[in-house]
């Protein structure tokens, strides 16, 4: 692999910025951007907008026209080499006369059929690894689904400084300020699905829709409800687009899809639930649940990162905490996380920590 120039870096950063335009719309596909350049001069660019629409490379080639001959293509994900709902991008780049393709990250999806090799076989110079970490972060859910068979699970928690998430009776609206709540909706918008438990549905009757920001789609809504206790009047059932996972045969009210996945303890099998959501194309799963389901997900290794909003207030020991977990025998047994970012959002603090 050759050393990449400053111009290569700048053009790939532009491709990543284009890919980010699809942050809320490409599911279940990855977010991809493409820049075509003659030297340092951009001659065409594009991004993938939604499943079924042209890929980023096709949009960039259409913009460049005949100027693509002899150009370099900067793509945030290795071009595909298979016929799906759109033609293979590797062949399109080669046929257009592109002589060099630089990909940020290789596509682990076996259906992509290694576009890099196809390009090399067609005489196109193929390189990869430029700004790879940034590209992986942009498609962390897609890469998780393809390589691990489960979505990337992000658990959002709003808490006081003493780690309390709700009153003793479960009420939690609202612990954080409006800025933090709007920021939380942005994270909802990028997820393919939003998950909660029936306890939260009973206590807060949430809609779990994206409302504080504009979005081209609403994520799938998922409820964990082992005994099918969800009220027929629950707002999360309104408008369809809801799945209820349970542990006993039966049907959820309101026509919601019901999936029975029981573990030996008569609860919903959470790891199998993640596998089923991945099978349905869920890349990123956003969790907004109560301390019991939070604890179960963490205990069963079903959480990849925590998105925690801390409000400068306290509720005391009688209020509910973040996680319902058994006592640990020692400090070394506690789940370890690494801080990714700490930022102020309005009057609250947002912490992103990853397992």
Protein backbone atom coordinates (compact mmCIF):
# COMPACT_ATOMS: atom_id res chain seq x y z
CA UNK A 1 0.00 0.00 0.00
CA UNK A 2 1.45 3.36 -1.02
CA UNK A 3 1.69 6.42 1.17
CA UNK A 4 -1.26 8.74 0.74
CA UNK A 5 -0.72 12.42 -0.08
CA UNK A 6 -2.25 15.45 1.57
CA UNK A 7 -4.52 15.77 -1.45
CA UNK A 8 -5.65 12.16 -1.03
CA UNK A 9 -6.56 12.90 2.58
CA UNK A 10 -8.48 16.05 1.68
CA UNK A 11 -10.49 14.33 -1.05
CA UNK A 12 -11.33 11.35 1.16
CA UNK A 13 -12.49 13.73 3.90
CA UNK A 14 -14.83 15.24 1.33
CA UNK A 15 -16.09 11.75 0.49
CA UNK A 16 -16.72 11.09 4.19
CA UNK A 17 -18.64 14.37 4.50
CA UNK A 18 -20.81 13.28 1.56
CA UNK A 19 -21.38 9.85 3.13
CA UNK A 20 -22.58 11.52 6.31
CA UNK A 21 -25.46 13.06 4.36
CA UNK A 22 -27.00 9.58 4.41
CA UNK A 23 -26.67 9.23 8.18
CA UNK A 24 -30.45 9.05 8.68
CA UNK A 25 -31.60 7.51 5.41
CA UNK A 26 -29.52 4.64 4.01
CA UNK A 27 -30.54 1.80 6.33
CA UNK A 28 -30.09 -1.12 5.89
CA UNK A 29 -27.36 -0.09 3.46
CA UNK A 30 -24.08 1.51 4.52
CA UNK A 31 -23.44 5.26 4.34
CA UNK A 32 -21.13 5.85 1.39
CA UNK A 33 -19.67 8.89 -0.34
CA UNK A 34 -17.58 9.13 -3.51
CA UNK A 35 -15.42 11.87 -5.02
CA UNK A 36 -13.94 11.71 -8.53
CA UNK A 37 -10.87 13.88 -9.11
CA UNK A 38 -8.32 14.69 -11.80
CA UNK A 39 -5.33 15.45 -9.63
CA UNK A 40 -6.67 17.82 -6.99
CA UNK A 41 -9.61 19.00 -9.12
CA UNK A 42 -12.99 17.49 -8.26
CA UNK A 43 -14.91 16.51 -11.39
CA UNK A 44 -17.82 14.66 -9.83
CA UNK A 45 -19.15 13.58 -6.47
CA UNK A 46 -22.09 11.70 -5.01
CA UNK A 47 -23.48 9.89 -2.02
CA UNK A 48 -25.86 7.00 -1.45
CA UNK A 49 -29.22 8.42 -0.36
CA UNK A 50 -31.38 5.35 0.34
CA UNK A 51 -31.72 1.64 -0.35
CA UNK A 52 -32.79 1.02 -3.94
CA UNK A 53 -31.38 4.33 -5.18
CA UNK A 54 -28.06 4.63 -7.07
CA UNK A 55 -24.89 4.05 -5.11
CA UNK A 56 -22.44 6.86 -4.39
CA UNK A 57 -20.11 5.81 -7.23
CA UNK A 58 -22.93 5.86 -9.79
CA UNK A 59 -23.97 9.36 -8.73
CA UNK A 60 -20.37 10.61 -8.93
CA UNK A 61 -19.87 9.05 -12.38
CA UNK A 62 -23.09 10.62 -13.63
CA UNK A 63 -21.88 14.03 -12.42
CA UNK A 64 -18.43 13.61 -13.99
CA UNK A 65 -19.51 12.26 -17.39
CA UNK A 66 -16.64 11.67 -19.81
CA UNK A 67 -14.24 13.57 -17.52
CA UNK A 68 -14.08 10.39 -15.40
CA UNK A 69 -11.58 8.84 -17.83
CA UNK A 70 -8.17 8.80 -16.15
CA UNK A 71 -9.58 10.01 -12.82
CA UNK A 72 -9.12 8.78 -9.27
CA UNK A 73 -12.18 7.72 -7.27
CA UNK A 74 -12.19 8.23 -3.50
CA UNK A 75 -14.83 5.99 -1.94
CA UNK A 76 -15.55 5.56 1.77
CA UNK A 77 -16.39 1.86 1.30
CA UNK A 78 -14.95 -0.63 -1.18
CA UNK A 79 -17.05 -0.58 -4.39
CA UNK A 80 -19.44 -3.51 -4.69
CA UNK A 81 -19.07 -6.21 -7.34
CA UNK A 82 -22.50 -7.81 -7.38
CA UNK A 83 -25.88 -7.30 -9.00
CA UNK A 84 -28.45 -6.29 -6.39
CA UNK A 85 -31.07 -3.61 -6.85
CA UNK A 86 -28.33 -1.61 -8.59
CA UNK A 87 -25.50 -2.64 -10.95
CA UNK A 88 -21.98 -3.39 -9.62
CA UNK A 89 -20.02 -0.22 -8.93
CA UNK A 90 -16.60 -1.79 -9.55
CA UNK A 91 -17.52 -2.56 -13.16
CA UNK A 92 -19.02 0.91 -13.65
CA UNK A 93 -15.83 2.61 -12.45
CA UNK A 94 -13.65 0.46 -14.73
CA UNK A 95 -15.91 0.99 -17.75
CA UNK A 96 -15.85 4.75 -17.20
CA UNK A 97 -12.07 4.73 -17.50
CA UNK A 98 -11.23 5.48 -13.86
CA UNK A 99 -7.58 4.48 -13.40
CA UNK A 100 -7.25 4.56 -9.61
CA UNK A 101 -9.70 3.77 -6.79
CA UNK A 102 -8.94 4.58 -3.14
CA UNK A 103 -11.30 3.05 -0.56
CA UNK A 104 -11.32 4.03 3.09
CA UNK A 105 -12.38 0.58 4.28
CA UNK A 106 -12.94 -2.79 2.65
CA UNK A 107 -16.48 -4.16 2.57
CA UNK A 108 -16.80 -7.27 4.79
CA UNK A 109 -20.15 -8.21 3.25
CA UNK A 110 -19.60 -11.46 1.27
CA UNK A 111 -22.27 -10.32 -1.19
CA UNK A 112 -20.05 -7.41 -2.17
CA UNK A 113 -17.74 -9.99 -3.82
CA UNK A 114 -14.50 -8.08 -3.31
CA UNK A 115 -14.76 -5.17 -5.69
CA UNK A 116 -11.09 -4.36 -5.17
CA UNK A 117 -10.01 -7.59 -6.82
CA UNK A 118 -12.42 -6.98 -9.71
CA UNK A 119 -10.96 -3.51 -10.20
CA UNK A 120 -7.39 -4.80 -10.14
CA UNK A 121 -8.30 -7.51 -12.66
CA UNK A 122 -9.66 -4.77 -14.94
CA UNK A 123 -6.37 -2.88 -14.72
CA UNK A 124 -7.52 -0.28 -12.20
CA UNK A 125 -5.11 0.55 -9.37
CA UNK A 126 -6.89 -0.22 -6.10
CA UNK A 127 -5.77 1.03 -2.68
CA UNK A 128 -7.47 1.06 0.70
CA UNK A 129 -6.99 2.13 4.31
CA UNK A 130 -7.13 5.91 3.91
CA UNK A 131 -9.01 7.41 6.92
CA UNK A 132 -10.20 3.90 7.73
CA UNK A 133 -11.06 4.59 11.37
CA UNK A 134 -13.34 7.51 10.45
CA UNK A 135 -15.07 5.40 7.81
CA UNK A 136 -15.59 2.54 10.25
CA UNK A 137 -17.17 4.86 12.80
CA UNK A 138 -19.59 6.17 10.18
CA UNK A 139 -20.74 2.62 9.38
CA UNK A 140 -20.23 1.02 12.78
CA UNK A 141 -23.70 -0.54 12.72
CA UNK A 142 -23.46 -1.94 9.19
CA UNK A 143 -20.05 -3.45 9.95
CA UNK A 144 -21.38 -4.94 13.20
CA UNK A 145 -24.35 -6.54 11.48
CA UNK A 146 -22.25 -8.03 8.69
CA UNK A 147 -19.34 -9.28 10.80
CA UNK A 148 -21.06 -10.18 14.11
CA UNK A 149 -24.60 -10.94 13.03
CA UNK A 150 -26.01 -8.38 15.48
CA UNK A 151 -26.65 -4.63 15.43
CA UNK A 152 -24.44 -2.09 17.13
CA UNK A 153 -26.29 -1.46 20.39
CA UNK A 154 -26.20 2.06 21.81
CA UNK A 155 -27.91 2.52 25.17
CA UNK A 156 -29.12 6.04 25.94
CA UNK A 157 -29.60 7.00 29.59
CA UNK A 158 -30.72 10.29 31.14
CA UNK A 159 -29.68 10.50 34.80
CA UNK A 160 -29.01 12.81 37.70
CA UNK A 161 -25.52 13.29 39.12
CA UNK A 162 -26.20 10.53 41.64
CA UNK A 163 -27.01 8.10 38.81
CA UNK A 164 -30.81 8.10 39.19
CA UNK A 165 -32.95 7.70 36.09
CA UNK A 166 -36.52 7.82 37.42
CA UNK A 167 -38.61 8.24 40.54
CA UNK A 168 -39.42 5.14 42.55
CA UNK A 169 -42.67 4.69 40.58
CA UNK A 170 -40.83 4.80 37.25
CA UNK A 171 -41.66 8.35 36.13
CA UNK A 172 -38.74 9.98 34.33
CA UNK A 173 -40.14 12.84 32.22
CA UNK A 174 -38.10 14.98 32.25
CA UNK A 175 -34.72 14.63 33.98
CA UNK A 176 -32.67 16.45 31.33
CA UNK A 177 -33.22 19.76 29.57
CA UNK A 178 -34.67 20.44 26.11
CA UNK A 179 -31.28 20.65 24.40
CA UNK A 180 -30.27 17.20 25.65
CA UNK A 181 -33.63 15.76 24.65
CA UNK A 182 -33.28 17.17 21.12
CA UNK A 183 -29.76 15.76 20.92
CA UNK A 184 -31.14 12.38 21.95
CA UNK A 185 -33.62 12.56 19.06
CA UNK A 186 -30.70 13.03 16.65
CA UNK A 187 -29.24 9.76 17.92
CA UNK A 188 -32.67 8.13 17.56
CA UNK A 189 -32.85 9.37 13.98
CA UNK A 190 -29.62 7.67 12.94
CA UNK A 191 -30.69 4.32 14.42
CA UNK A 192 -32.54 1.67 12.45
CA UNK A 193 -34.61 0.71 15.50
CA UNK A 194 -35.40 2.04 18.98
CA UNK A 195 -35.86 -0.46 21.83
CA UNK A 196 -37.61 -0.18 25.17
CA UNK A 197 -39.23 -2.43 27.77
CA UNK A 198 -42.84 -2.83 28.76
CA UNK A 199 -42.08 -1.24 32.14
CA UNK A 200 -41.13 2.02 30.45
CA UNK A 201 -44.22 1.79 28.24
CA UNK A 202 -46.44 1.49 31.32
CA UNK A 203 -44.69 4.24 33.29
CA UNK A 204 -44.10 6.90 30.59
CA UNK A 205 -46.21 5.80 27.57
CA UNK A 206 -43.50 6.97 25.15
CA UNK A 207 -43.98 7.26 21.38
CA UNK A 208 -40.29 6.55 20.68
CA UNK A 209 -40.51 8.47 17.42
CA UNK A 210 -38.14 11.14 16.13
CA UNK A 211 -39.82 14.50 16.68
CA UNK A 212 -37.28 17.12 17.78
CA UNK A 213 -35.39 17.02 14.46
CA UNK A 214 -36.43 16.56 10.84
CA UNK A 215 -35.90 13.04 9.54
CA UNK A 216 -36.66 11.28 6.23
CA UNK A 217 -37.88 8.14 8.06
CA UNK A 218 -38.94 6.85 11.44
CA UNK A 219 -36.98 3.99 13.02
CA UNK A 220 -38.59 0.67 13.80
CA UNK A 221 -39.94 0.55 17.37
CA UNK A 222 -39.20 -2.56 19.46
CA UNK A 223 -40.66 -3.54 22.83
CA UNK A 224 -39.40 -6.30 25.14
CA UNK A 225 -42.51 -7.65 26.86
CA UNK A 226 -42.04 -11.19 28.18
CA UNK A 227 -45.65 -11.67 29.38
CA UNK A 228 -47.43 -9.54 26.75
CA UNK A 229 -48.62 -6.93 29.22
CA UNK A 230 -48.45 -3.96 26.87
CA UNK A 231 -51.64 -1.86 27.08
CA UNK A 232 -53.75 -1.63 23.94
CA UNK A 233 -53.75 2.15 24.37
CA UNK A 234 -49.94 2.44 24.35
CA UNK A 235 -48.78 5.20 22.04
CA UNK A 236 -45.85 3.07 20.85
CA UNK A 237 -48.40 0.82 19.09
CA UNK A 238 -49.94 3.68 17.13
CA UNK A 239 -49.05 4.04 13.47
CA UNK A 240 -47.66 0.53 13.05
CA UNK A 241 -43.91 -0.07 12.60
CA UNK A 242 -43.68 -1.82 15.99
CA UNK A 243 -42.39 -5.26 16.97
CA UNK A 244 -43.06 -6.83 20.38
CA UNK A 245 -40.69 -9.57 21.56
CA UNK A 246 -42.24 -11.87 24.14
CA UNK A 247 -41.60 -15.20 25.87
CA UNK A 248 -45.04 -16.80 25.55
CA UNK A 249 -47.39 -17.46 22.62
CA UNK A 250 -49.90 -14.70 21.98
CA UNK A 251 -50.51 -11.52 20.05
CA UNK A 252 -49.77 -7.94 20.99
CA UNK A 253 -52.69 -5.50 20.68
CA UNK A 254 -53.00 -3.00 17.88
CA UNK A 255 -51.77 -5.33 15.17
CA UNK A 256 -48.11 -5.07 16.21
CA UNK A 257 -45.91 -7.91 15.01
CA UNK A 258 -45.26 -10.38 17.83
CA UNK A 259 -42.15 -12.56 17.98
CA UNK A 260 -41.77 -15.29 20.60
CA UNK A 261 -38.14 -15.77 21.72
CA UNK A 262 -37.96 -17.32 25.18
CA UNK A 263 -34.88 -18.21 27.20
CA UNK A 264 -34.88 -21.00 29.84
CA UNK A 265 -35.90 -18.48 32.54
CA UNK A 266 -39.11 -17.54 30.74
CA UNK A 267 -37.78 -14.15 29.66
CA UNK A 268 -37.06 -12.82 26.19
CA UNK A 269 -33.79 -14.24 24.84
CA UNK A 270 -31.96 -10.96 24.31
CA UNK A 271 -28.97 -12.22 22.25
CA UNK A 272 -31.34 -14.07 19.92
CA UNK A 273 -33.44 -10.93 19.67
CA UNK A 274 -30.38 -9.04 18.43
CA UNK A 275 -29.77 -11.76 15.85
CA UNK A 276 -33.36 -11.50 14.63
CA UNK A 277 -33.11 -7.72 14.33
CA UNK A 278 -29.86 -8.08 12.36
CA UNK A 279 -31.59 -10.56 10.05
CA UNK A 280 -34.14 -7.83 9.37
CA UNK A 281 -31.44 -5.35 8.39
CA UNK A 282 -31.10 -3.41 11.66
CA UNK A 283 -27.62 -1.87 11.76
CA UNK A 284 -27.86 0.40 14.81
CA UNK A 285 -30.16 -0.31 17.76
CA UNK A 286 -30.89 2.61 20.09
CA UNK A 287 -32.02 1.57 23.58
CA UNK A 288 -34.17 3.80 25.82
CA UNK A 289 -35.34 1.54 28.63
CA UNK A 290 -35.63 1.28 32.39
CA UNK A 291 -33.04 0.03 34.86
CA UNK A 292 -34.24 -3.60 34.77
CA UNK A 293 -33.94 -4.09 31.00
CA UNK A 294 -30.77 -1.97 30.97
CA UNK A 295 -29.26 -4.32 33.53
CA UNK A 296 -30.31 -7.44 31.62
CA UNK A 297 -28.87 -6.15 28.37
CA UNK A 298 -25.58 -5.22 30.03
CA UNK A 299 -25.40 -8.49 31.94
CA UNK A 300 -25.98 -10.55 28.79
CA UNK A 301 -23.28 -8.67 26.84
CA UNK A 302 -25.81 -6.99 24.54
CA UNK A 303 -24.53 -3.40 24.87
CA UNK A 304 -21.72 -1.86 22.82
CA UNK A 305 -21.75 1.72 24.07
CA UNK A 306 -23.48 4.01 26.54
CA UNK A 307 -24.83 7.44 25.65
CA UNK A 308 -25.37 9.08 29.04
CA UNK A 309 -26.85 12.52 29.68
CA UNK A 310 -26.13 13.76 33.22
CA UNK A 311 -28.25 16.52 34.73
CA UNK A 312 -26.83 18.57 37.65
CA UNK A 313 -29.46 17.43 40.15
CA UNK A 314 -29.97 14.54 42.57
CA UNK A 315 -32.90 12.24 43.37
CA UNK A 316 -31.56 10.14 46.24
CA UNK A 317 -31.38 6.46 47.03
CA UNK A 318 -35.12 5.90 46.81
CA UNK A 319 -35.12 6.62 43.07
CA UNK A 320 -34.33 4.13 40.32
CA UNK A 321 -30.76 3.71 39.13
CA UNK A 322 -29.26 3.06 35.72
CA UNK A 323 -28.89 -0.71 35.91
CA UNK A 324 -30.41 -3.55 37.86
CA UNK A 325 -27.32 -5.70 38.39
CA UNK A 326 -26.32 -8.30 40.97
CA UNK A 327 -23.61 -7.23 43.46
CA UNK A 328 -20.05 -7.72 42.26
CA UNK A 329 -17.56 -9.67 44.34
CA UNK A 330 -14.87 -7.06 43.74
CA UNK A 331 -14.02 -3.96 41.77
CA UNK A 332 -12.22 -6.02 39.13
CA UNK A 333 -15.52 -7.68 38.21
CA UNK A 334 -17.23 -4.45 37.16
CA UNK A 335 -17.84 -3.89 33.42
CA UNK A 336 -15.07 -1.74 31.96
CA UNK A 337 -15.68 1.06 29.48
CA UNK A 338 -13.56 3.62 27.67
CA UNK A 339 -14.56 7.25 27.24
CA UNK A 340 -15.13 8.33 23.64
CA UNK A 341 -16.33 11.87 24.27
CA UNK A 342 -17.57 14.22 26.99
CA UNK A 343 -19.51 17.31 25.88
CA UNK A 344 -21.83 19.88 27.37
CA UNK A 345 -25.32 19.95 25.80
CA UNK A 346 -27.36 22.84 27.14
CA UNK A 347 -27.39 22.50 30.91
CA UNK A 348 -26.47 18.79 30.82
CA UNK A 349 -23.37 16.72 30.22
CA UNK A 350 -23.26 14.10 27.46
CA UNK A 351 -20.89 11.16 27.91
CA UNK A 352 -20.24 8.53 25.23
CA UNK A 353 -18.50 5.45 26.64
CA UNK A 354 -17.75 2.20 24.83
CA UNK A 355 -17.28 -1.31 26.13
